[in-house]
């Protein structure tokens, strides 16, 4: 696997150093509501605490907690390659622990879903390394080059501009590899899955992961957390910062920059 821009997989020691100083309150403040959290230990990096081998690829849900301090303690215990949050809105989050959250669209406690777009550089046709299918056949599925990153950055800017003309609260987040665009407007929160599928088809040309936009994948990376696959901070950025954004020198955690 090849990653550009000095990206690399982080070690457990580095994850521990990062999350020991992690401000989870800042992340939750950015979202603006209490949420269900999730962790993936080592699905892509294959680096995880070995006592959790059987759980390395599945999301570990944190839906029963008394404080953010307790959530942070669990993250430090498991040292995951990625920390996520559930984009679903729930009328009473305390009821989530007793529910399988994979299928909640008909649940009376479900109160809509935050709209999001996940743009990854491996999803687009690279003029140097070919299409995703061609790269998959060569075993390069998660690999990408600097050119592909620049292309997905341009796509993110164009999609943001398009969405920003329609909605009031649109935000960009560097995911550690590509970019996420979040739409927090209440008018889209209650769109059903069919409406979201139509949106995913409309914007598929930008290199999005369609199942994120359709709502099938409800989890998305937690802002200000660590992408352990790339050793970069999941960082909210402004549109004006996007053009010159360079993850070889930005969103770099202290365990690399120090």
C-alpha atoms as a PDB file:
ATOM      1  CA  UNK A   1       0.000   0.000   0.000  1.00  0.00           C
ATOM      2  CA  UNK A   2       1.270   3.450  -0.929  1.00  0.00           C
ATOM      3  CA  UNK A   3       0.268   6.713   0.744  1.00  0.00           C
ATOM      4  CA  UNK A   4       1.543  10.155  -0.316  1.00  0.00           C
ATOM      5  CA  UNK A   5       2.143  13.345   1.658  1.00  0.00           C
ATOM      6  CA  UNK A   6       4.059  11.579   4.457  1.00  0.00           C
ATOM      7  CA  UNK A   7       0.947   9.733   5.583  1.00  0.00           C
ATOM      8  CA  UNK A   8       1.541   6.511   7.497  1.00  0.00           C
ATOM      9  CA  UNK A   9      -0.099   4.118   9.953  1.00  0.00           C
ATOM     10  CA  UNK A  10       0.231   5.078  13.621  1.00  0.00           C
ATOM     11  CA  UNK A  11       1.462   2.735  16.340  1.00  0.00           C
ATOM     12  CA  UNK A  12      -0.460   1.870  19.510  1.00  0.00           C
ATOM     13  CA  UNK A  13       2.002   3.958  21.501  1.00  0.00           C
ATOM     14  CA  UNK A  14       1.317   6.945  19.252  1.00  0.00           C
ATOM     15  CA  UNK A  15      -2.439   6.478  19.541  1.00  0.00           C
ATOM     16  CA  UNK A  16      -2.110   6.373  23.310  1.00  0.00           C
ATOM     17  CA  UNK A  17      -0.107   9.593  23.306  1.00  0.00           C
ATOM     18  CA  UNK A  18      -2.674  11.301  21.091  1.00  0.00           C
ATOM     19  CA  UNK A  19      -5.793  10.245  22.989  1.00  0.00           C
ATOM     20  CA  UNK A  20      -4.297  10.936  26.400  1.00  0.00           C
ATOM     21  CA  UNK A  21      -4.380  14.610  25.376  1.00  0.00           C
ATOM     22  CA  UNK A  22      -7.571  14.395  23.294  1.00  0.00           C
ATOM     23  CA  UNK A  23     -10.232  17.050  23.924  1.00  0.00           C
ATOM     24  CA  UNK A  24     -13.400  15.086  23.261  1.00  0.00           C
ATOM     25  CA  UNK A  25     -15.491  18.000  24.497  1.00  0.00           C
ATOM     26  CA  UNK A  26     -14.266  20.080  21.565  1.00  0.00           C
ATOM     27  CA  UNK A  27     -15.431  17.369  19.171  1.00  0.00           C
ATOM     28  CA  UNK A  28     -18.869  17.091  20.746  1.00  0.00           C
ATOM     29  CA  UNK A  29     -19.230  20.871  20.780  1.00  0.00           C
ATOM     30  CA  UNK A  30     -18.551  20.908  17.036  1.00  0.00           C
ATOM     31  CA  UNK A  31     -21.374  18.393  16.487  1.00  0.00           C
ATOM     32  CA  UNK A  32     -23.705  20.329  18.764  1.00  0.00           C
ATOM     33  CA  UNK A  33     -25.597  17.481  20.403  1.00  0.00           C
ATOM     34  CA  UNK A  34     -25.034  14.317  22.484  1.00  0.00           C
ATOM     35  CA  UNK A  35     -24.199  11.408  20.171  1.00  0.00           C
ATOM     36  CA  UNK A  36     -23.503   7.704  20.056  1.00  0.00           C
ATOM     37  CA  UNK A  37     -19.795   7.035  19.529  1.00  0.00           C
ATOM     38  CA  UNK A  38     -18.054   4.110  17.868  1.00  0.00           C
ATOM     39  CA  UNK A  39     -14.529   2.748  17.437  1.00  0.00           C
ATOM     40  CA  UNK A  40     -12.889   0.526  14.834  1.00  0.00           C
ATOM     41  CA  UNK A  41      -9.759  -1.046  16.250  1.00  0.00           C
ATOM     42  CA  UNK A  42      -7.676  -2.277  13.317  1.00  0.00           C
ATOM     43  CA  UNK A  43      -9.716  -3.092  10.227  1.00  0.00           C
ATOM     44  CA  UNK A  44      -7.327  -1.441   7.757  1.00  0.00           C
ATOM     45  CA  UNK A  45      -4.129  -0.909   9.722  1.00  0.00           C
ATOM     46  CA  UNK A  46      -4.096  -4.361  11.364  1.00  0.00           C
ATOM     47  CA  UNK A  47      -2.642  -2.649  14.427  1.00  0.00           C
ATOM     48  CA  UNK A  48      -4.731  -3.091  17.576  1.00  0.00           C
ATOM     49  CA  UNK A  49      -4.474  -4.512  21.119  1.00  0.00           C
ATOM     50  CA  UNK A  50      -4.107  -8.223  20.431  1.00  0.00           C
ATOM     51  CA  UNK A  51      -6.563  -9.277  23.137  1.00  0.00           C
ATOM     52  CA  UNK A  52      -9.280  -7.853  20.891  1.00  0.00           C
ATOM     53  CA  UNK A  53      -8.414  -9.833  17.779  1.00  0.00           C
ATOM     54  CA  UNK A  54     -11.990 -11.004  17.169  1.00  0.00           C
ATOM     55  CA  UNK A  55     -13.243  -7.427  17.372  1.00  0.00           C
ATOM     56  CA  UNK A  56     -10.637  -5.698  15.214  1.00  0.00           C
ATOM     57  CA  UNK A  57     -12.877  -5.186  12.153  1.00  0.00           C
ATOM     58  CA  UNK A  58     -16.263  -4.450  13.681  1.00  0.00           C
ATOM     59  CA  UNK A  59     -17.545  -1.141  15.074  1.00  0.00           C
ATOM     60  CA  UNK A  60     -17.515  -1.109  18.870  1.00  0.00           C
ATOM     61  CA  UNK A  61     -20.428   1.094  19.878  1.00  0.00           C
ATOM     62  CA  UNK A  62     -20.329   3.457  22.859  1.00  0.00           C
ATOM     63  CA  UNK A  63     -23.991   4.214  23.513  1.00  0.00           C
ATOM     64  CA  UNK A  64     -24.126   3.882  27.294  1.00  0.00           C
ATOM     65  CA  UNK A  65     -21.981   6.438  29.091  1.00  0.00           C
ATOM     66  CA  UNK A  66     -22.388   8.895  31.931  1.00  0.00           C
ATOM     67  CA  UNK A  67     -19.813  11.452  30.836  1.00  0.00           C
ATOM     68  CA  UNK A  68     -17.406  12.370  28.047  1.00  0.00           C
ATOM     69  CA  UNK A  69     -14.604  11.473  30.444  1.00  0.00           C
ATOM     70  CA  UNK A  70     -15.908   7.901  30.405  1.00  0.00           C
ATOM     71  CA  UNK A  71     -15.960   7.877  26.581  1.00  0.00           C
ATOM     72  CA  UNK A  72     -12.366   9.127  26.467  1.00  0.00           C
ATOM     73  CA  UNK A  73     -11.326   6.452  28.968  1.00  0.00           C
ATOM     74  CA  UNK A  74     -12.767   3.751  26.695  1.00  0.00           C
ATOM     75  CA  UNK A  75     -10.953   5.178  23.672  1.00  0.00           C
ATOM     76  CA  UNK A  76      -7.641   5.119  25.549  1.00  0.00           C
ATOM     77  CA  UNK A  77      -8.317   1.542  26.638  1.00  0.00           C
ATOM     78  CA  UNK A  78      -8.984   0.223  23.118  1.00  0.00           C
ATOM     79  CA  UNK A  79      -6.598   2.548  21.183  1.00  0.00           C
ATOM     80  CA  UNK A  80      -8.620   2.298  17.944  1.00  0.00           C
ATOM     81  CA  UNK A  81      -7.411   3.174  14.464  1.00  0.00           C
ATOM     82  CA  UNK A  82     -10.533   5.307  14.113  1.00  0.00           C
ATOM     83  CA  UNK A  83     -13.166   6.992  16.297  1.00  0.00           C
ATOM     84  CA  UNK A  84     -16.591   7.763  14.844  1.00  0.00           C
ATOM     85  CA  UNK A  85     -19.950   9.204  15.761  1.00  0.00           C
ATOM     86  CA  UNK A  86     -23.480   8.240  14.754  1.00  0.00           C
ATOM     87  CA  UNK A  87     -25.073  10.843  12.443  1.00  0.00           C
ATOM     88  CA  UNK A  88     -28.560   9.799  13.494  1.00  0.00           C
ATOM     89  CA  UNK A  89     -30.608  12.075  15.711  1.00  0.00           C
ATOM     90  CA  UNK A  90     -32.405  10.382  18.599  1.00  0.00           C
ATOM     91  CA  UNK A  91     -35.165  11.895  20.720  1.00  0.00           C
ATOM     92  CA  UNK A  92     -33.784  10.110  23.786  1.00  0.00           C
ATOM     93  CA  UNK A  93     -30.206   8.919  23.429  1.00  0.00           C
ATOM     94  CA  UNK A  94     -30.463   6.864  26.633  1.00  0.00           C
ATOM     95  CA  UNK A  95     -32.746   4.407  24.804  1.00  0.00           C
ATOM     96  CA  UNK A  96     -30.072   3.563  22.207  1.00  0.00           C
ATOM     97  CA  UNK A  97     -28.279   1.029  24.392  1.00  0.00           C
ATOM     98  CA  UNK A  98     -31.209  -1.399  24.189  1.00  0.00           C
ATOM     99  CA  UNK A  99     -31.673  -1.047  20.420  1.00  0.00           C
ATOM    100  CA  UNK A 100     -29.875  -2.444  17.367  1.00  0.00           C
ATOM    101  CA  UNK A 101     -28.964   0.867  15.764  1.00  0.00           C
ATOM    102  CA  UNK A 102     -28.380  -0.631  12.318  1.00  0.00           C
ATOM    103  CA  UNK A 103     -32.100  -0.472  11.556  1.00  0.00           C
ATOM    104  CA  UNK A 104     -33.761   2.503  13.190  1.00  0.00           C
ATOM    105  CA  UNK A 105     -35.464   4.436  10.408  1.00  0.00           C
ATOM    106  CA  UNK A 106     -38.883   3.172  11.544  1.00  0.00           C
ATOM    107  CA  UNK A 107     -38.100   3.499  15.263  1.00  0.00           C
ATOM    108  CA  UNK A 108     -40.205   6.112  17.031  1.00  0.00           C
ATOM    109  CA  UNK A 109     -37.070   7.349  18.832  1.00  0.00           C
ATOM    110  CA  UNK A 110     -35.338   8.076  15.507  1.00  0.00           C
ATOM    111  CA  UNK A 111     -35.425  11.777  14.662  1.00  0.00           C
ATOM    112  CA  UNK A 112     -33.626  12.059  11.325  1.00  0.00           C
ATOM    113  CA  UNK A 113     -30.034  11.894  10.136  1.00  0.00           C
ATOM    114  CA  UNK A 114     -27.356  14.465   9.475  1.00  0.00           C
ATOM    115  CA  UNK A 115     -26.537  14.572   5.757  1.00  0.00           C
ATOM    116  CA  UNK A 116     -22.915  13.869   4.865  1.00  0.00           C
ATOM    117  CA  UNK A 117     -20.688  13.287   1.856  1.00  0.00           C
ATOM    118  CA  UNK A 118     -17.484  11.248   2.067  1.00  0.00           C
ATOM    119  CA  UNK A 119     -14.976  12.058  -0.679  1.00  0.00           C
ATOM    120  CA  UNK A 120     -11.910   9.799  -0.797  1.00  0.00           C
ATOM    121  CA  UNK A 121      -9.047  10.029  -3.318  1.00  0.00           C
ATOM    122  CA  UNK A 122      -9.175   6.309  -4.057  1.00  0.00           C
ATOM    123  CA  UNK A 123     -12.751   6.689  -5.346  1.00  0.00           C
ATOM    124  CA  UNK A 124     -11.831   8.722  -8.419  1.00  0.00           C
ATOM    125  CA  UNK A 125     -10.149   7.825 -11.681  1.00  0.00           C
ATOM    126  CA  UNK A 126      -6.507   8.755 -11.341  1.00  0.00           C
ATOM    127  CA  UNK A 127      -4.804   9.884 -14.592  1.00  0.00           C
ATOM    128  CA  UNK A 128      -1.616   8.216 -13.362  1.00  0.00           C
ATOM    129  CA  UNK A 129      -2.792   4.989 -11.696  1.00  0.00           C
ATOM    130  CA  UNK A 130      -6.157   4.319 -13.360  1.00  0.00           C
ATOM    131  CA  UNK A 131      -9.664   3.625 -12.103  1.00  0.00           C
ATOM    132  CA  UNK A 132     -10.595   2.197  -8.707  1.00  0.00           C
ATOM    133  CA  UNK A 133     -11.346  -1.160 -10.342  1.00  0.00           C
ATOM    134  CA  UNK A 134      -7.928  -1.227 -12.016  1.00  0.00           C
ATOM    135  CA  UNK A 135      -6.209  -0.369  -8.749  1.00  0.00           C
ATOM    136  CA  UNK A 136      -8.235  -2.977  -6.858  1.00  0.00           C
ATOM    137  CA  UNK A 137      -7.104  -5.639  -9.320  1.00  0.00           C
ATOM    138  CA  UNK A 138      -3.510  -4.699  -8.492  1.00  0.00           C
ATOM    139  CA  UNK A 139      -4.139  -4.750  -4.747  1.00  0.00           C
ATOM    140  CA  UNK A 140      -3.982  -0.949  -4.477  1.00  0.00           C
ATOM    141  CA  UNK A 141      -7.525  -0.445  -3.193  1.00  0.00           C
ATOM    142  CA  UNK A 142      -6.691   2.011  -0.398  1.00  0.00           C
ATOM    143  CA  UNK A 143      -3.640   3.488  -2.079  1.00  0.00           C
ATOM    144  CA  UNK A 144      -3.633   6.859  -3.774  1.00  0.00           C
ATOM    145  CA  UNK A 145      -1.153   9.427  -5.024  1.00  0.00           C
ATOM    146  CA  UNK A 146      -0.710  13.160  -4.583  1.00  0.00           C
ATOM    147  CA  UNK A 147      -2.422  13.808  -7.926  1.00  0.00           C
ATOM    148  CA  UNK A 148      -5.546  11.925  -6.804  1.00  0.00           C
ATOM    149  CA  UNK A 149      -5.547  13.897  -3.556  1.00  0.00           C
ATOM    150  CA  UNK A 150      -5.432  17.188  -5.450  1.00  0.00           C
ATOM    151  CA  UNK A 151      -8.312  16.053  -7.668  1.00  0.00           C
ATOM    152  CA  UNK A 152     -10.509  15.049  -4.729  1.00  0.00           C
ATOM    153  CA  UNK A 153      -9.677  18.375  -3.075  1.00  0.00           C
ATOM    154  CA  UNK A 154     -11.000  20.194  -6.153  1.00  0.00           C
ATOM    155  CA  UNK A 155     -14.116  18.000  -6.146  1.00  0.00           C
ATOM    156  CA  UNK A 156     -14.679  18.826  -2.492  1.00  0.00           C
ATOM    157  CA  UNK A 157     -14.476  22.549  -3.210  1.00  0.00           C
ATOM    158  CA  UNK A 158     -16.936  22.292  -6.119  1.00  0.00           C
ATOM    159  CA  UNK A 159     -19.401  20.148  -4.179  1.00  0.00           C
ATOM    160  CA  UNK A 160     -19.188  22.454  -1.168  1.00  0.00           C
ATOM    161  CA  UNK A 161     -19.951  25.459  -3.378  1.00  0.00           C
ATOM    162  CA  UNK A 162     -22.952  23.670  -4.856  1.00  0.00           C
ATOM    163  CA  UNK A 163     -24.327  22.628  -1.472  1.00  0.00           C
ATOM    164  CA  UNK A 164     -23.618  26.003   0.088  1.00  0.00           C
ATOM    165  CA  UNK A 165     -25.986  27.609  -2.409  1.00  0.00           C
ATOM    166  CA  UNK A 166     -28.807  25.378  -1.154  1.00  0.00           C
ATOM    167  CA  UNK A 167     -28.161  25.085   2.586  1.00  0.00           C
ATOM    168  CA  UNK A 168     -27.115  27.329   5.464  1.00  0.00           C
ATOM    169  CA  UNK A 169     -24.870  25.138   7.624  1.00  0.00           C
ATOM    170  CA  UNK A 170     -22.391  23.257   5.433  1.00  0.00           C
ATOM    171  CA  UNK A 171     -18.994  22.267   6.850  1.00  0.00           C
ATOM    172  CA  UNK A 172     -15.816  20.666   5.516  1.00  0.00           C
ATOM    173  CA  UNK A 173     -13.690  18.203   7.475  1.00  0.00           C
ATOM    174  CA  UNK A 174     -10.368  16.700   6.410  1.00  0.00           C
ATOM    175  CA  UNK A 175     -10.857  13.003   7.166  1.00  0.00           C
ATOM    176  CA  UNK A 176      -7.185  12.081   7.322  1.00  0.00           C
ATOM    177  CA  UNK A 177      -7.228  10.847   3.721  1.00  0.00           C
ATOM    178  CA  UNK A 178      -9.903  12.793   1.884  1.00  0.00           C
ATOM    179  CA  UNK A 179     -12.723  15.065   2.958  1.00  0.00           C
ATOM    180  CA  UNK A 180     -16.162  14.969   4.534  1.00  0.00           C
ATOM    181  CA  UNK A 181     -18.872  17.531   3.903  1.00  0.00           C
ATOM    182  CA  UNK A 182     -21.528  17.778   6.630  1.00  0.00           C
ATOM    183  CA  UNK A 183     -24.905  19.458   6.165  1.00  0.00           C
ATOM    184  CA  UNK A 184     -26.606  20.317   9.460  1.00  0.00           C
ATOM    185  CA  UNK A 185     -29.702  22.071   8.106  1.00  0.00           C
ATOM    186  CA  UNK A 186     -32.909  20.774   9.649  1.00  0.00           C
ATOM    187  CA  UNK A 187     -34.523  20.740   6.195  1.00  0.00           C
ATOM    188  CA  UNK A 188     -32.331  17.796   5.119  1.00  0.00           C
ATOM    189  CA  UNK A 189     -32.297  16.014   8.452  1.00  0.00           C
ATOM    190  CA  UNK A 190     -35.698  14.441   7.790  1.00  0.00           C
ATOM    191  CA  UNK A 191     -35.097  13.322   4.198  1.00  0.00           C
ATOM    192  CA  UNK A 192     -35.974   9.651   3.748  1.00  0.00           C
ATOM    193  CA  UNK A 193     -33.614   7.049   2.308  1.00  0.00           C
ATOM    194  CA  UNK A 194     -35.089   7.258  -1.186  1.00  0.00           C
ATOM    195  CA  UNK A 195     -34.495  11.008  -1.288  1.00  0.00           C
ATOM    196  CA  UNK A 196     -30.949  10.451  -0.045  1.00  0.00           C
ATOM    197  CA  UNK A 197     -30.330   7.814  -2.715  1.00  0.00           C
ATOM    198  CA  UNK A 198     -31.372  10.317  -5.364  1.00  0.00           C
ATOM    199  CA  UNK A 199     -28.944  12.843  -3.903  1.00  0.00           C
ATOM    200  CA  UNK A 200     -26.167  10.245  -3.884  1.00  0.00           C
ATOM    201  CA  UNK A 201     -26.738   9.540  -7.573  1.00  0.00           C
ATOM    202  CA  UNK A 202     -26.731  13.249  -8.361  1.00  0.00           C
ATOM    203  CA  UNK A 203     -23.421  13.866  -6.606  1.00  0.00           C
ATOM    204  CA  UNK A 204     -21.731  10.558  -7.382  1.00  0.00           C
ATOM    205  CA  UNK A 205     -19.610  12.271 -10.060  1.00  0.00           C
ATOM    206  CA  UNK A 206     -17.564  13.914  -7.305  1.00  0.00           C
ATOM    207  CA  UNK A 207     -16.195  10.606  -6.015  1.00  0.00           C
ATOM    208  CA  UNK A 208     -18.409  10.181  -2.955  1.00  0.00           C
ATOM    209  CA  UNK A 209     -19.025   6.992  -0.999  1.00  0.00           C
ATOM    210  CA  UNK A 210     -22.703   6.698  -1.877  1.00  0.00           C
ATOM    211  CA  UNK A 211     -23.710   4.576   1.120  1.00  0.00           C
ATOM    212  CA  UNK A 212     -22.703   7.416   3.454  1.00  0.00           C
ATOM    213  CA  UNK A 213     -24.980   9.890   1.682  1.00  0.00           C
ATOM    214  CA  UNK A 214     -27.850   7.398   1.389  1.00  0.00           C
ATOM    215  CA  UNK A 215     -27.781   6.881   5.144  1.00  0.00           C
ATOM    216  CA  UNK A 216     -26.911   3.195   5.055  1.00  0.00           C
ATOM    217  CA  UNK A 217     -23.576   3.983   6.705  1.00  0.00           C
ATOM    218  CA  UNK A 218     -24.510   6.151   9.666  1.00  0.00           C
ATOM    219  CA  UNK A 219     -21.038   6.382  11.249  1.00  0.00           C
ATOM    220  CA  UNK A 220     -18.550   9.074  10.285  1.00  0.00           C
ATOM    221  CA  UNK A 221     -15.171  10.059  11.694  1.00  0.00           C
ATOM    222  CA  UNK A 222     -15.259  12.164  14.827  1.00  0.00           C
ATOM    223  CA  UNK A 223     -13.757  15.628  14.227  1.00  0.00           C
ATOM    224  CA  UNK A 224     -10.466  16.238  16.061  1.00  0.00           C
ATOM    225  CA  UNK A 225      -9.897  12.486  16.498  1.00  0.00           C
ATOM    226  CA  UNK A 226      -6.953  10.607  14.972  1.00  0.00           C
ATOM    227  CA  UNK A 227      -7.091   8.754  11.672  1.00  0.00           C
ATOM    228  CA  UNK A 228      -4.733   5.967  12.696  1.00  0.00           C
ATOM    229  CA  UNK A 229      -4.416   4.739   9.125  1.00  0.00           C
ATOM    230  CA  UNK A 230      -2.795   7.988   7.999  1.00  0.00           C
ATOM    231  CA  UNK A 231      -1.579   9.489  11.303  1.00  0.00           C
ATOM    232  CA  UNK A 232      -3.469  12.706  10.665  1.00  0.00           C
ATOM    233  CA  UNK A 233      -5.989  14.627  12.744  1.00  0.00           C
ATOM    234  CA  UNK A 234      -9.576  14.640  11.477  1.00  0.00           C
ATOM    235  CA  UNK A 235      -9.684  18.401  11.109  1.00  0.00           C
ATOM    236  CA  UNK A 236     -12.517  20.842  10.342  1.00  0.00           C
ATOM    237  CA  UNK A 237     -11.305  23.384   7.782  1.00  0.00           C
ATOM    238  CA  UNK A 238     -12.747  26.472   6.144  1.00  0.00           C
ATOM    239  CA  UNK A 239     -13.472  26.728   2.441  1.00  0.00           C
ATOM    240  CA  UNK A 240     -10.808  29.410   2.172  1.00  0.00           C
ATOM    241  CA  UNK A 241      -8.240  26.968   3.601  1.00  0.00           C
ATOM    242  CA  UNK A 242      -9.070  24.132   1.239  1.00  0.00           C
ATOM    243  CA  UNK A 243      -7.145  25.198  -1.869  1.00  0.00           C
ATOM    244  CA  UNK A 244      -3.774  25.275  -0.119  1.00  0.00           C
ATOM    245  CA  UNK A 245      -4.476  22.512   2.388  1.00  0.00           C
ATOM    246  CA  UNK A 246      -1.456  20.205   2.599  1.00  0.00           C
ATOM    247  CA  UNK A 247      -1.622  17.229   5.004  1.00  0.00           C
ATOM    248  CA  UNK A 248       2.130  16.753   4.786  1.00  0.00           C
ATOM    249  CA  UNK A 249       2.400  19.808   7.044  1.00  0.00           C
ATOM    250  CA  UNK A 250      -1.163  20.354   8.321  1.00  0.00           C
ATOM    251  CA  UNK A 251      -3.378  18.276  10.631  1.00  0.00           C
ATOM    252  CA  UNK A 252      -0.162  16.644  11.851  1.00  0.00           C
ATOM    253  CA  UNK A 253      -0.341  15.236  15.412  1.00  0.00           C
ATOM    254  CA  UNK A 254       2.295  16.108  17.996  1.00  0.00           C
ATOM    255  CA  UNK A 255       3.746  12.601  18.023  1.00  0.00           C
ATOM    256  CA  UNK A 256       5.019  13.391  14.511  1.00  0.00           C
ATOM    257  CA  UNK A 257       5.644  17.135  14.693  1.00  0.00           C
ATOM    258  CA  UNK A 258       7.529  17.153  18.020  1.00  0.00           C
END
